[in-house]
Protein backbone atom coordinates (compact mmCIF):
# COMPACT_ATOMS: atom_id res chain seq x y z
CA MET A 1 -53.06 -26.53 -34.08
CA GLY A 2 -52.24 -24.78 -30.87
CA ARG A 3 -49.00 -22.96 -30.27
CA VAL A 4 -46.72 -25.16 -32.40
CA ASP A 5 -46.27 -23.76 -35.91
CA PHE A 6 -43.91 -25.87 -38.01
CA SER A 7 -43.49 -23.06 -40.55
CA LYS A 8 -41.58 -21.07 -37.91
CA ILE A 9 -39.06 -23.80 -37.10
CA ARG A 10 -35.48 -22.56 -37.61
CA THR A 11 -33.11 -24.79 -39.56
CA TYR A 12 -29.34 -24.67 -39.98
CA SER A 13 -26.94 -25.72 -42.69
CA ALA A 14 -25.15 -29.01 -42.03
CA ALA A 15 -22.05 -27.66 -43.76
CA GLY A 16 -19.27 -27.50 -41.20
CA ARG A 17 -21.24 -29.54 -38.66
CA ALA A 18 -19.16 -31.70 -36.32
CA ASN A 19 -19.97 -35.33 -37.16
CA LEU A 20 -19.27 -38.31 -34.94
CA VAL A 21 -19.13 -40.61 -37.99
CA THR A 22 -17.32 -39.76 -41.24
CA LEU A 23 -16.31 -41.55 -44.43
CA ALA A 24 -13.00 -42.36 -42.75
CA ASP A 25 -14.97 -44.66 -40.45
CA VAL A 26 -16.55 -46.62 -43.30
CA ALA A 27 -14.72 -49.95 -43.60
CA ASP A 28 -13.56 -51.40 -46.92
CA PRO A 29 -14.40 -55.14 -47.18
CA ASP A 30 -11.45 -55.66 -49.51
CA ALA A 31 -8.98 -54.13 -47.07
CA ALA A 32 -10.31 -54.98 -43.61
CA ALA A 33 -10.45 -58.42 -42.03
CA ALA A 34 -13.36 -59.43 -39.82
CA PRO A 35 -12.53 -59.80 -36.12
CA ARG A 36 -12.04 -63.39 -35.05
CA TRP A 37 -15.33 -64.95 -33.96
CA ASP A 38 -15.65 -68.67 -33.33
CA CYS A 39 -19.33 -69.59 -33.18
CA PRO A 40 -20.55 -72.94 -34.51
CA GLU A 41 -24.19 -71.82 -34.48
CA PHE A 42 -23.25 -68.85 -36.66
CA ASP A 43 -21.57 -71.23 -39.09
CA GLU A 44 -24.85 -73.17 -39.25
CA LEU A 45 -26.73 -69.98 -40.06
CA VAL A 46 -24.20 -69.08 -42.77
CA GLY A 47 -24.89 -72.50 -44.29
CA ARG A 48 -28.59 -71.68 -44.34
CA VAL A 49 -27.87 -68.43 -46.17
CA ARG A 50 -25.75 -70.24 -48.75
CA ALA A 51 -28.41 -72.90 -49.26
CA ALA A 52 -31.13 -70.26 -49.62
CA ARG A 53 -29.27 -68.42 -52.35
CA ARG A 54 -28.27 -71.61 -54.14
CA ASN A 55 -31.97 -72.52 -54.27
CA GLY A 56 -33.07 -69.06 -55.37
CA ARG A 57 -34.69 -68.18 -52.06
CA PRO A 58 -34.52 -64.70 -50.51
CA VAL A 59 -32.24 -63.43 -47.79
CA ILE A 60 -33.70 -60.33 -46.16
CA LEU A 61 -31.40 -58.15 -44.04
CA SER A 62 -33.20 -55.85 -41.61
CA MET A 63 -31.19 -53.39 -39.53
CA GLY A 64 -31.22 -50.51 -37.13
CA ALA A 65 -29.36 -47.30 -37.94
CA HIS A 66 -26.25 -48.35 -36.02
CA VAL A 67 -25.20 -50.68 -38.82
CA ILE A 68 -24.63 -47.56 -40.94
CA LYS A 69 -23.13 -45.63 -38.01
CA CYS A 70 -20.69 -48.49 -37.37
CA GLY A 71 -19.24 -47.88 -40.84
CA LEU A 72 -20.60 -51.02 -42.50
CA SER A 73 -22.25 -49.54 -45.59
CA ARG A 74 -19.72 -51.04 -47.98
CA TYR A 75 -20.26 -54.48 -46.47
CA LEU A 76 -23.99 -54.15 -47.10
CA ILE A 77 -23.28 -53.13 -50.69
CA ALA A 78 -20.90 -56.07 -51.17
CA LEU A 79 -23.46 -58.52 -49.75
CA MET A 80 -26.01 -57.24 -52.28
CA ARG A 81 -23.60 -56.99 -55.19
CA GLU A 82 -22.44 -60.57 -54.75
CA GLY A 83 -25.98 -61.85 -54.49
CA TYR A 84 -25.99 -62.95 -50.85
CA VAL A 85 -28.65 -60.45 -49.72
CA THR A 86 -31.79 -59.89 -51.80
CA HIS A 87 -33.55 -57.19 -49.74
CA ILE A 88 -32.40 -54.64 -47.16
CA ALA A 89 -34.73 -52.87 -44.74
CA SER A 90 -34.32 -50.30 -42.00
CA ASN A 91 -36.06 -47.56 -40.05
CA GLY A 92 -36.08 -43.85 -40.82
CA ALA A 93 -32.83 -43.20 -38.97
CA GLY A 94 -31.09 -45.78 -41.14
CA SER A 95 -32.10 -43.86 -44.26
CA ILE A 96 -31.02 -40.54 -42.75
CA HIS A 97 -27.50 -41.63 -41.80
CA ASP A 98 -27.06 -43.26 -45.22
CA PHE A 99 -28.33 -40.10 -46.96
CA GLU A 100 -26.12 -37.76 -44.92
CA LEU A 101 -22.98 -39.76 -45.58
CA CYS A 102 -23.87 -39.63 -49.27
CA TYR A 103 -24.06 -35.84 -49.53
CA LEU A 104 -22.07 -34.60 -46.52
CA GLY A 105 -19.46 -37.28 -45.97
CA GLY A 106 -20.43 -37.39 -42.30
CA THR A 107 -23.35 -38.09 -40.00
CA SER A 108 -24.37 -38.42 -36.33
CA GLU A 109 -24.37 -35.12 -34.48
CA ASP A 110 -23.72 -34.64 -30.76
CA VAL A 111 -27.27 -34.95 -29.44
CA PRO A 112 -26.67 -34.18 -25.72
CA THR A 113 -25.44 -30.66 -26.49
CA ALA A 114 -27.74 -29.92 -29.45
CA ILE A 115 -30.94 -30.77 -27.58
CA GLU A 116 -30.22 -28.04 -25.04
CA ASP A 117 -30.96 -25.17 -27.45
CA GLY A 118 -33.39 -26.90 -29.83
CA SER A 119 -30.90 -27.20 -32.69
CA PHE A 120 -30.88 -31.01 -32.59
CA GLY A 121 -31.87 -32.43 -35.95
CA MET A 122 -32.66 -29.06 -37.53
CA TRP A 123 -30.47 -29.56 -40.60
CA GLU A 124 -31.71 -27.75 -43.67
CA GLU A 125 -30.17 -29.95 -46.36
CA THR A 126 -31.09 -33.27 -44.74
CA GLY A 127 -34.66 -32.27 -43.95
CA ARG A 128 -35.39 -30.30 -47.12
CA TRP A 129 -33.85 -32.73 -49.60
CA MET A 130 -35.19 -35.92 -48.03
CA ASN A 131 -38.69 -34.48 -47.75
CA GLU A 132 -38.53 -33.25 -51.34
CA ALA A 133 -37.45 -36.70 -52.49
CA ILE A 134 -40.19 -38.48 -50.56
CA ALA A 135 -42.93 -36.10 -51.70
CA GLN A 136 -41.87 -36.39 -55.34
CA GLY A 137 -41.61 -40.15 -55.06
CA ALA A 138 -45.05 -40.44 -53.51
CA VAL A 139 -46.57 -38.58 -56.46
CA GLU A 140 -44.76 -40.94 -58.84
CA GLY A 141 -45.87 -44.05 -56.95
CA ALA A 142 -42.40 -44.88 -55.62
CA GLY A 143 -41.65 -46.30 -52.21
CA TYR A 144 -39.59 -44.45 -49.61
CA GLY A 145 -36.27 -46.12 -50.45
CA GLU A 146 -36.74 -45.87 -54.19
CA ALA A 147 -37.73 -42.21 -53.92
CA LEU A 148 -34.51 -41.34 -52.09
CA ALA A 149 -32.40 -43.35 -54.54
CA ARG A 150 -33.99 -41.64 -57.56
CA TYR A 151 -33.41 -38.22 -56.01
CA ILE A 152 -29.75 -39.01 -55.34
CA GLY A 153 -29.24 -40.43 -58.82
CA ALA A 154 -30.68 -37.34 -60.51
CA ARG A 155 -28.37 -34.95 -58.59
CA PRO A 156 -24.80 -36.30 -58.70
CA GLU A 157 -23.36 -32.88 -57.91
CA ARG A 158 -25.10 -32.89 -54.51
CA PHE A 159 -24.18 -36.45 -53.65
CA PRO A 160 -20.48 -37.09 -54.27
CA HIS A 161 -20.28 -40.18 -52.04
CA ARG A 162 -22.83 -42.43 -53.75
CA ASP A 163 -20.34 -45.29 -53.88
CA CYS A 164 -20.89 -45.99 -50.17
CA CYS A 165 -24.63 -45.23 -50.03
CA ALA A 166 -26.44 -48.51 -49.36
CA LEU A 167 -29.90 -47.38 -50.46
CA TYR A 168 -28.61 -45.87 -53.70
CA GLN A 169 -26.47 -48.87 -54.57
CA ALA A 170 -29.36 -51.20 -53.76
CA HIS A 171 -31.46 -49.34 -56.33
CA ARG A 172 -28.70 -49.64 -58.93
CA LEU A 173 -28.43 -53.36 -58.25
CA GLY A 174 -32.19 -53.93 -58.44
CA VAL A 175 -32.37 -54.91 -54.75
CA PRO A 176 -35.35 -53.60 -52.74
CA ALA A 177 -34.33 -51.16 -49.99
CA THR A 178 -37.36 -50.47 -47.81
CA TYR A 179 -37.74 -48.05 -44.93
CA HIS A 180 -40.44 -48.46 -42.30
CA ILE A 181 -41.30 -45.17 -40.68
CA ALA A 182 -42.83 -44.30 -37.32
CA LEU A 183 -44.06 -40.71 -37.64
CA GLY A 184 -42.39 -38.33 -35.23
CA THR A 185 -39.28 -40.46 -34.69
CA ASP A 186 -36.96 -38.95 -37.31
CA ILE A 187 -35.22 -35.58 -37.55
CA ILE A 188 -36.70 -34.92 -40.99
CA HIS A 189 -40.15 -34.89 -39.34
CA GLN A 190 -39.05 -31.72 -37.52
CA HIS A 191 -38.50 -29.85 -40.78
CA PRO A 192 -41.04 -27.29 -42.07
CA ALA A 193 -41.10 -29.16 -45.41
CA ALA A 194 -42.26 -32.45 -43.86
CA ASP A 195 -45.28 -33.87 -45.70
CA PHE A 196 -46.62 -36.58 -43.43
CA ALA A 197 -49.12 -37.84 -45.97
CA ALA A 198 -46.31 -38.38 -48.48
CA ILE A 199 -44.11 -40.03 -45.86
CA GLY A 200 -46.90 -42.40 -44.91
CA GLN A 201 -47.74 -43.20 -48.53
CA ALA A 202 -44.11 -43.91 -49.49
CA SER A 203 -43.41 -46.00 -46.40
CA GLY A 204 -46.71 -47.84 -46.89
CA ARG A 205 -45.56 -48.86 -50.35
CA ASP A 206 -42.31 -50.10 -48.85
CA PHE A 207 -44.29 -52.22 -46.39
CA LYS A 208 -46.08 -53.88 -49.32
CA ILE A 209 -42.71 -54.53 -50.96
CA MET A 210 -41.52 -56.12 -47.71
CA CYS A 211 -44.67 -58.27 -47.60
CA ASP A 212 -43.91 -59.50 -51.12
CA SER A 213 -40.36 -60.48 -50.13
CA VAL A 214 -41.57 -62.24 -46.98
CA SER A 215 -44.21 -64.14 -48.97
CA ARG A 216 -41.34 -65.82 -50.86
CA LEU A 217 -39.39 -66.68 -47.70
CA ASP A 218 -39.99 -70.45 -47.56
CA GLY A 219 -36.48 -71.89 -47.66
CA GLY A 220 -35.07 -68.40 -47.13
CA VAL A 221 -33.49 -66.40 -44.31
CA PHE A 222 -34.47 -63.29 -42.35
CA LEU A 223 -31.61 -61.49 -40.57
CA ASN A 224 -32.10 -58.62 -38.12
CA PHE A 225 -29.13 -56.52 -37.02
CA GLY A 226 -29.93 -54.29 -34.07
CA SER A 227 -33.48 -53.19 -34.79
CA ALA A 228 -35.24 -53.65 -31.46
CA VAL A 229 -38.74 -52.44 -32.40
CA ILE A 230 -39.45 -51.47 -36.01
CA GLY A 231 -37.76 -54.44 -37.70
CA PRO A 232 -39.33 -57.14 -35.49
CA GLU A 233 -42.80 -55.59 -35.66
CA VAL A 234 -42.75 -55.09 -39.43
CA PHE A 235 -41.50 -58.64 -39.98
CA LEU A 236 -44.17 -60.23 -37.81
CA LYS A 237 -46.97 -58.33 -39.56
CA ALA A 238 -45.58 -59.12 -43.02
CA LEU A 239 -45.28 -62.78 -42.07
CA SER A 240 -48.87 -62.86 -40.82
CA ILE A 241 -50.09 -61.33 -44.09
CA ALA A 242 -48.12 -63.89 -46.13
CA ARG A 243 -49.58 -66.79 -44.16
CA ASN A 244 -53.06 -65.30 -44.23
CA LEU A 245 -52.86 -65.28 -48.04
CA GLY A 246 -51.75 -68.91 -48.09
CA PHE A 247 -48.08 -68.52 -48.99
CA PRO A 248 -45.82 -71.27 -47.57
CA THR A 249 -43.49 -69.51 -45.14
CA PHE A 250 -42.71 -72.16 -42.52
CA ASP A 251 -39.33 -73.57 -43.60
CA ILE A 252 -37.48 -70.40 -42.68
CA ALA A 253 -34.33 -69.44 -40.82
CA THR A 254 -34.31 -66.30 -38.70
CA ALA A 255 -31.54 -64.63 -36.72
CA ASN A 256 -31.26 -61.62 -34.46
CA PHE A 257 -27.94 -59.86 -33.80
CA ASP A 258 -27.67 -57.50 -30.84
CA LEU A 259 -25.44 -56.70 -27.87
CA ARG A 260 -28.02 -58.04 -25.43
CA ASP A 261 -27.31 -61.52 -24.00
CA LEU A 262 -30.58 -63.46 -23.64
CA GLY A 263 -29.17 -66.64 -22.15
CA ASP A 264 -31.29 -69.63 -23.19
CA TYR A 265 -33.35 -67.66 -25.68
CA ARG A 266 -35.32 -70.69 -26.87
CA ALA A 267 -36.70 -71.45 -23.39
CA LYS A 268 -40.28 -70.42 -22.65
CA ILE A 269 -40.58 -67.38 -20.40
CA GLY A 270 -43.54 -65.48 -18.99
CA GLY A 271 -44.46 -61.87 -18.44
CA GLY A 272 -42.58 -61.73 -15.16
CA ASP A 273 -39.25 -61.89 -17.02
CA PRO A 274 -38.14 -58.58 -18.59
CA ASP A 275 -36.73 -60.48 -21.58
CA TYR A 276 -40.30 -61.49 -22.46
CA TYR A 277 -40.85 -57.92 -23.69
CA TYR A 278 -37.77 -57.85 -25.92
CA ARG A 279 -39.44 -57.91 -29.33
CA PRO A 280 -36.71 -59.57 -31.40
CA ARG A 281 -36.79 -62.66 -29.18
CA LYS A 282 -40.52 -63.12 -29.71
CA ASN A 283 -41.07 -61.69 -33.18
CA ILE A 284 -37.95 -62.92 -34.97
CA VAL A 285 -36.38 -65.85 -33.16
CA ASN A 286 -39.28 -67.76 -31.59
CA ARG A 287 -42.76 -67.09 -32.95
CA PRO A 288 -42.01 -67.20 -36.70
CA THR A 289 -40.30 -70.61 -36.33
CA SER A 290 -42.85 -72.23 -34.01
CA SER A 291 -44.18 -74.39 -36.87
CA GLY A 292 -40.89 -75.10 -38.63
CA GLY A 293 -37.50 -73.66 -39.41
CA LYS A 294 -35.02 -72.40 -36.84
CA GLY A 295 -34.22 -69.14 -35.11
CA TRP A 296 -31.02 -67.85 -33.51
CA HIS A 297 -29.96 -64.96 -31.31
CA PHE A 298 -26.34 -63.78 -31.34
CA ALA A 299 -24.99 -61.34 -28.75
CA VAL A 300 -22.24 -59.70 -30.78
CA ASP A 301 -21.12 -56.30 -32.07
CA HIS A 302 -22.21 -55.41 -35.62
CA ARG A 303 -18.57 -54.70 -36.47
CA THR A 304 -17.94 -58.40 -35.90
CA SER A 305 -21.16 -59.98 -37.16
CA VAL A 306 -21.62 -58.20 -40.50
CA PRO A 307 -18.01 -58.55 -41.69
CA SER A 308 -18.00 -62.17 -40.48
CA LEU A 309 -21.14 -62.92 -42.47
CA TYR A 310 -19.61 -61.47 -45.62
CA GLU A 311 -16.22 -63.13 -45.21
CA ARG A 312 -17.62 -66.59 -44.46
CA LEU A 313 -20.03 -66.45 -47.35
CA ARG A 314 -17.28 -65.27 -49.65
CA ARG A 315 -14.93 -68.09 -48.76
CA GLY A 316 -17.66 -70.74 -48.68
CA ALA A 317 -17.53 -71.37 -44.93
CA GLY A 318 -20.47 -72.94 -43.14
CA SER A 319 -22.03 -76.28 -43.92
CA ASP A 320 -25.14 -76.18 -46.09
CA ALA A 321 -28.35 -77.06 -44.27
């Protein structure tokens, strides 16, 4: 395979690593109040979530890794525990930050300095353990998220912070936690133990689990927090499969949460506008609701949107649709 030999890659222990995010940054929903956010359209969406759950319809929460890095793991767990969210999904980075907080109590290294000497992402425990978990899970027929949760559950001595691990708590609660992997994008793909066949198999199973959840989405809600590529693309493909198989998935509510302000995001735009190429606008807000339902885009920080969603659901705010 040319000059690149993965077996010669040097790894380093994460013990003692400087982390930009630690357990001290993980907010407690019972102790922290959501920042004030007055948004009537958000209240309407909250009503849709409440109506979906009252009627036994799913609420799928897709996210980028920054939701974990913003210290919102316990909010995700509370949303699942109290029955508001029925499926969580993320990319590979989302699983890595969750996994590292679970064993190390910290995550998010300083990339600008680490990339200079090739040490970026070369963490022995993260890469070895996650790849072991995925490979074992693939043999057992488990998906990516389930494989990691099983591995964590079987080794409590390695993972002292399971109480704030979203993927592990999802497994305990019987909530699907799926991870949708693009090969070569995650630090565990740099590790000598990486088994790309196993990664693909496990993530492929998670995609089928996502398709099953989306097939039940009529009357339900799909929420995307900060995933600009993987989440929107996976959702659109899962939705196409569901409709191809004849499942009713037209009375749906969708919402995208990001820092990017799209202005009038429901207006038609062409290829000459850079916002045309922003996938969440097309693949979450507009295209899935072209034959029914309603989509929203909210330009807001995750540290406001996620706690606000939980608090308003908890106190019964938002008028039912």
